[in-house]
C-alpha atoms as a PDB file:
ATOM      1  CA  MET A   1      -3.149 -54.553 132.379  1.00  0.00           C
ATOM      2  CA  LYS A   2      -4.899 -51.281 132.081  1.00  0.00           C
ATOM      3  CA  ILE A   3      -2.320 -50.850 128.972  1.00  0.00           C
ATOM      4  CA  ARG A   4      -3.757 -54.263 127.120  1.00  0.00           C
ATOM      5  CA  HIS A   5      -7.447 -52.737 127.705  1.00  0.00           C
ATOM      6  CA  LEU A   6      -6.315 -49.183 126.338  1.00  0.00           C
ATOM      7  CA  ALA A   7      -4.629 -51.120 123.663  1.00  0.00           C
ATOM      8  CA  GLY A   8      -7.774 -52.854 122.709  1.00  0.00           C
ATOM      9  CA  ILE A   9      -9.919 -49.901 123.193  1.00  0.00           C
ATOM     10  CA  THR A  10      -7.548 -48.024 120.703  1.00  0.00           C
ATOM     11  CA  LEU A  11      -8.042 -50.701 117.937  1.00  0.00           C
ATOM     12  CA  ALA A  12     -11.743 -51.359 118.403  1.00  0.00           C
ATOM     13  CA  VAL A  13     -11.564 -47.103 117.307  1.00  0.00           C
ATOM     14  CA  VAL A  14      -9.525 -47.965 114.891  1.00  0.00           C
ATOM     15  CA  LEU A  15     -11.325 -50.784 113.342  1.00  0.00           C
ATOM     16  CA  ALA A  16     -14.530 -49.292 113.591  1.00  0.00           C
ATOM     17  CA  GLY A  17     -13.520 -45.805 111.549  1.00  0.00           C
ATOM     18  CA  CYS A  18     -12.045 -48.289 108.754  1.00  0.00           C
ATOM     19  CA  ALA A  19     -15.357 -50.109 108.633  1.00  0.00           C
ATOM     20  CA  THR A  20     -17.040 -47.016 108.292  1.00  0.00           C
ATOM     21  CA  GLU A  21     -15.085 -45.157 105.657  1.00  0.00           C
ATOM     22  CA  ASN A  22     -14.509 -48.683 103.811  1.00  0.00           C
ATOM     23  CA  SER A  23     -18.920 -48.515 103.648  1.00  0.00           C
ATOM     24  CA  LYS A  24     -18.981 -45.095 102.333  1.00  0.00           C
ATOM     25  CA  GLU A  25     -16.381 -45.911  99.895  1.00  0.00           C
ATOM     26  CA  ALA A  26     -18.739 -48.766  98.734  1.00  0.00           C
ATOM     27  CA  LYS A  27     -21.937 -46.156  98.461  1.00  0.00           C
ATOM     28  CA  GLN A  28     -20.050 -44.200  96.207  1.00  0.00           C
ATOM     29  CA  ALA A  29     -18.898 -46.994  94.195  1.00  0.00           C
ATOM     30  CA  LYS A  30     -22.847 -48.447  94.028  1.00  0.00           C
ATOM     31  CA  TRP A  31     -23.806 -45.170  92.965  1.00  0.00           C
ATOM     32  CA  MET A  32     -21.316 -44.521  90.414  1.00  0.00           C
ATOM     33  CA  ALA A  33     -22.388 -47.703  88.944  1.00  0.00           C
ATOM     34  CA  LYS A  34     -26.338 -47.316  88.756  1.00  0.00           C
ATOM     35  CA  ALA A  35     -25.716 -43.563  87.507  1.00  0.00           C
ATOM     36  CA  LYS A  36     -26.483 -42.698  83.741  1.00  0.00           C
ATOM     37  CA  VAL A  37     -24.789 -39.736  83.548  1.00  0.00           C
ATOM     38  CA  THR A  38     -21.065 -39.432  83.955  1.00  0.00           C
ATOM     39  CA  GLN A  39     -19.583 -37.018  86.434  1.00  0.00           C
ATOM     40  CA  ALA A  40     -17.997 -34.836  83.470  1.00  0.00           C
ATOM     41  CA  GLU A  41     -21.142 -34.996  81.246  1.00  0.00           C
ATOM     42  CA  ALA A  42     -23.314 -33.522  84.635  1.00  0.00           C
ATOM     43  CA  GLN A  43     -20.809 -30.813  85.196  1.00  0.00           C
ATOM     44  CA  ALA A  44     -20.858 -29.269  82.360  1.00  0.00           C
ATOM     45  CA  THR A  45     -24.762 -29.555  82.376  1.00  0.00           C
ATOM     46  CA  ALA A  46     -23.989 -27.556  86.077  1.00  0.00           C
ATOM     47  CA  LEU A  47     -21.004 -25.198  84.176  1.00  0.00           C
ATOM     48  CA  ALA A  48     -24.059 -24.242  81.639  1.00  0.00           C
ATOM     49  CA  GLN A  49     -25.848 -22.597  84.354  1.00  0.00           C
ATOM     50  CA  VAL A  50     -23.213 -20.415  85.762  1.00  0.00           C
ATOM     51  CA  PRO A  51     -22.141 -18.253  83.568  1.00  0.00           C
ATOM     52  CA  ASN A  52     -18.251 -17.778  83.833  1.00  0.00           C
ATOM     53  CA  GLY A  53     -18.417 -20.261  86.398  1.00  0.00           C
ATOM     54  CA  THR A  54     -15.723 -22.939  88.111  1.00  0.00           C
ATOM     55  CA  VAL A  55     -16.254 -25.996  90.130  1.00  0.00           C
ATOM     56  CA  LYS A  56     -15.406 -25.827  93.327  1.00  0.00           C
ATOM     57  CA  GLU A  57     -16.611 -29.292  94.629  1.00  0.00           C
ATOM     58  CA  SER A  58     -18.525 -31.940  93.606  1.00  0.00           C
ATOM     59  CA  GLU A  59     -19.852 -35.114  95.253  1.00  0.00           C
ATOM     60  CA  LEU A  60     -22.633 -37.746  94.223  1.00  0.00           C
ATOM     61  CA  GLU A  61     -24.976 -37.997  95.976  1.00  0.00           C
ATOM     62  CA  LYS A  62     -28.979 -39.031  97.196  1.00  0.00           C
ATOM     63  CA  GLU A  63     -31.493 -36.465  98.434  1.00  0.00           C
ATOM     64  CA  HIS A  64     -35.129 -36.909  98.353  1.00  0.00           C
ATOM     65  CA  GLY A  65     -34.871 -40.818  96.771  1.00  0.00           C
ATOM     66  CA  LYS A  66     -32.512 -39.447  93.587  1.00  0.00           C
ATOM     67  CA  LEU A  67     -29.398 -39.864  92.536  1.00  0.00           C
ATOM     68  CA  ILE A  68     -28.076 -36.256  91.870  1.00  0.00           C
ATOM     69  CA  TRP A  69     -24.300 -35.446  90.941  1.00  0.00           C
ATOM     70  CA  SER A  70     -24.218 -31.696  93.144  1.00  0.00           C
ATOM     71  CA  PHE A  71     -21.513 -29.293  92.278  1.00  0.00           C
ATOM     72  CA  ASP A  72     -20.462 -25.737  93.844  1.00  0.00           C
ATOM     73  CA  VAL A  73     -20.009 -23.326  91.641  1.00  0.00           C
ATOM     74  CA  ALA A  74     -17.656 -19.689  92.161  1.00  0.00           C
ATOM     75  CA  THR A  75     -18.145 -16.719  90.109  1.00  0.00           C
ATOM     76  CA  PRO A  76     -15.030 -14.398  90.074  1.00  0.00           C
ATOM     77  CA  ASP A  77     -17.235 -11.870  90.660  1.00  0.00           C
ATOM     78  CA  SER A  78     -18.948 -12.543  93.309  1.00  0.00           C
ATOM     79  CA  LYS A  79     -18.342 -14.375  97.119  1.00  0.00           C
ATOM     80  CA  ASP A  80     -21.272 -16.416  96.636  1.00  0.00           C
ATOM     81  CA  ILE A  81     -21.778 -20.038  95.741  1.00  0.00           C
ATOM     82  CA  THR A  82     -24.273 -21.337  92.975  1.00  0.00           C
ATOM     83  CA  GLU A  83     -25.188 -24.824  94.014  1.00  0.00           C
ATOM     84  CA  VAL A  84     -26.544 -26.781  91.002  1.00  0.00           C
ATOM     85  CA  ASN A  85     -27.876 -30.686  91.483  1.00  0.00           C
ATOM     86  CA  VAL A  86     -27.503 -32.885  88.144  1.00  0.00           C
ATOM     87  CA  ASP A  87     -29.854 -35.679  88.365  1.00  0.00           C
ATOM     88  CA  ALA A  88     -27.732 -38.570  87.509  1.00  0.00           C
ATOM     89  CA  MET A  89     -29.582 -40.702  85.967  1.00  0.00           C
ATOM     90  CA  THR A  90     -31.435 -38.417  83.108  1.00  0.00           C
ATOM     91  CA  GLY A  91     -28.878 -35.572  83.701  1.00  0.00           C
ATOM     92  CA  GLN A  92     -31.533 -33.009  83.615  1.00  0.00           C
ATOM     93  CA  VAL A  93     -30.714 -30.203  86.229  1.00  0.00           C
ATOM     94  CA  VAL A  94     -32.833 -30.584  89.713  1.00  0.00           C
ATOM     95  CA  SER A  95     -32.519 -27.362  91.415  1.00  0.00           C
ATOM     96  CA  THR A  96     -30.124 -24.276  91.631  1.00  0.00           C
ATOM     97  CA  GLU A  97     -29.328 -22.421  94.754  1.00  0.00           C
ATOM     98  CA  HIS A  98     -27.409 -19.251  95.614  1.00  0.00           C
ATOM     99  CA  GLU A  99     -25.252 -19.554  98.821  1.00  0.00           C
ATOM    100  CA  LYS A 100     -23.714 -16.991 100.986  1.00  0.00           C
ATOM    101  CA  PRO A 101     -20.177 -17.592 102.233  1.00  0.00           C
ATOM    102  CA  GLU A 102     -21.737 -17.857 105.831  1.00  0.00           C
ATOM    103  CA  ASP A 103     -24.531 -20.406 104.745  1.00  0.00           C
ATOM    104  CA  GLU A 104     -22.104 -22.439 102.879  1.00  0.00           C
ATOM    105  CA  ALA A 105     -19.782 -22.522 106.677  1.00  0.00           C
ATOM    106  CA  LYS A 106     -22.897 -23.894 108.062  1.00  0.00           C
ATOM    107  CA  GLU A 107     -23.412 -26.538 106.291  1.00  0.00           C
ATOM    108  CA  ALA A 108     -20.015 -27.154 106.215  1.00  0.00           C
ATOM    109  CA  GLN A 109     -20.111 -27.394 110.423  1.00  0.00           C
ATOM    110  CA  GLY A 110     -23.730 -29.849 109.836  1.00  0.00           C
ATOM    111  CA  GLU A 111     -21.696 -32.094 107.547  1.00  0.00           C
ATOM    112  CA  LYS A 112     -18.974 -31.813 110.287  1.00  0.00           C
ATOM    113  CA  LYS A 113     -20.964 -32.709 112.965  1.00  0.00           C
ATOM    114  CA  ASP A 114     -22.747 -35.879 111.126  1.00  0.00           C
ATOM    115  CA  LYS A 115     -19.001 -37.462 110.642  1.00  0.00           C
ATOM    116  CA  ASP A 116     -18.261 -37.038 114.218  1.00  0.00           C
END
């Protein structure tokens, strides 16, 4: 009886995880369909802001009601990251922010906690 109950709980947890992942994927697909600026176009705009930069990470997200492409750009002469946000509707740079490695680590921890 206990094994059957445990199996039921395990199945419920797995299915809940799949539903969450599917809803995240569905949200991303919906945003991609709305974006008028492609990731490649936005990336070119972001890289123009950071000479000799290389994109380390990118994502499409909603911030303050705006759909944006967010790029973490590294440069060879620095450990800092420049985060460049490009409006996914207009292609304009929304913000540019310099982050130290410890700031990046804190941000990653915050995102991990949000997912847990």
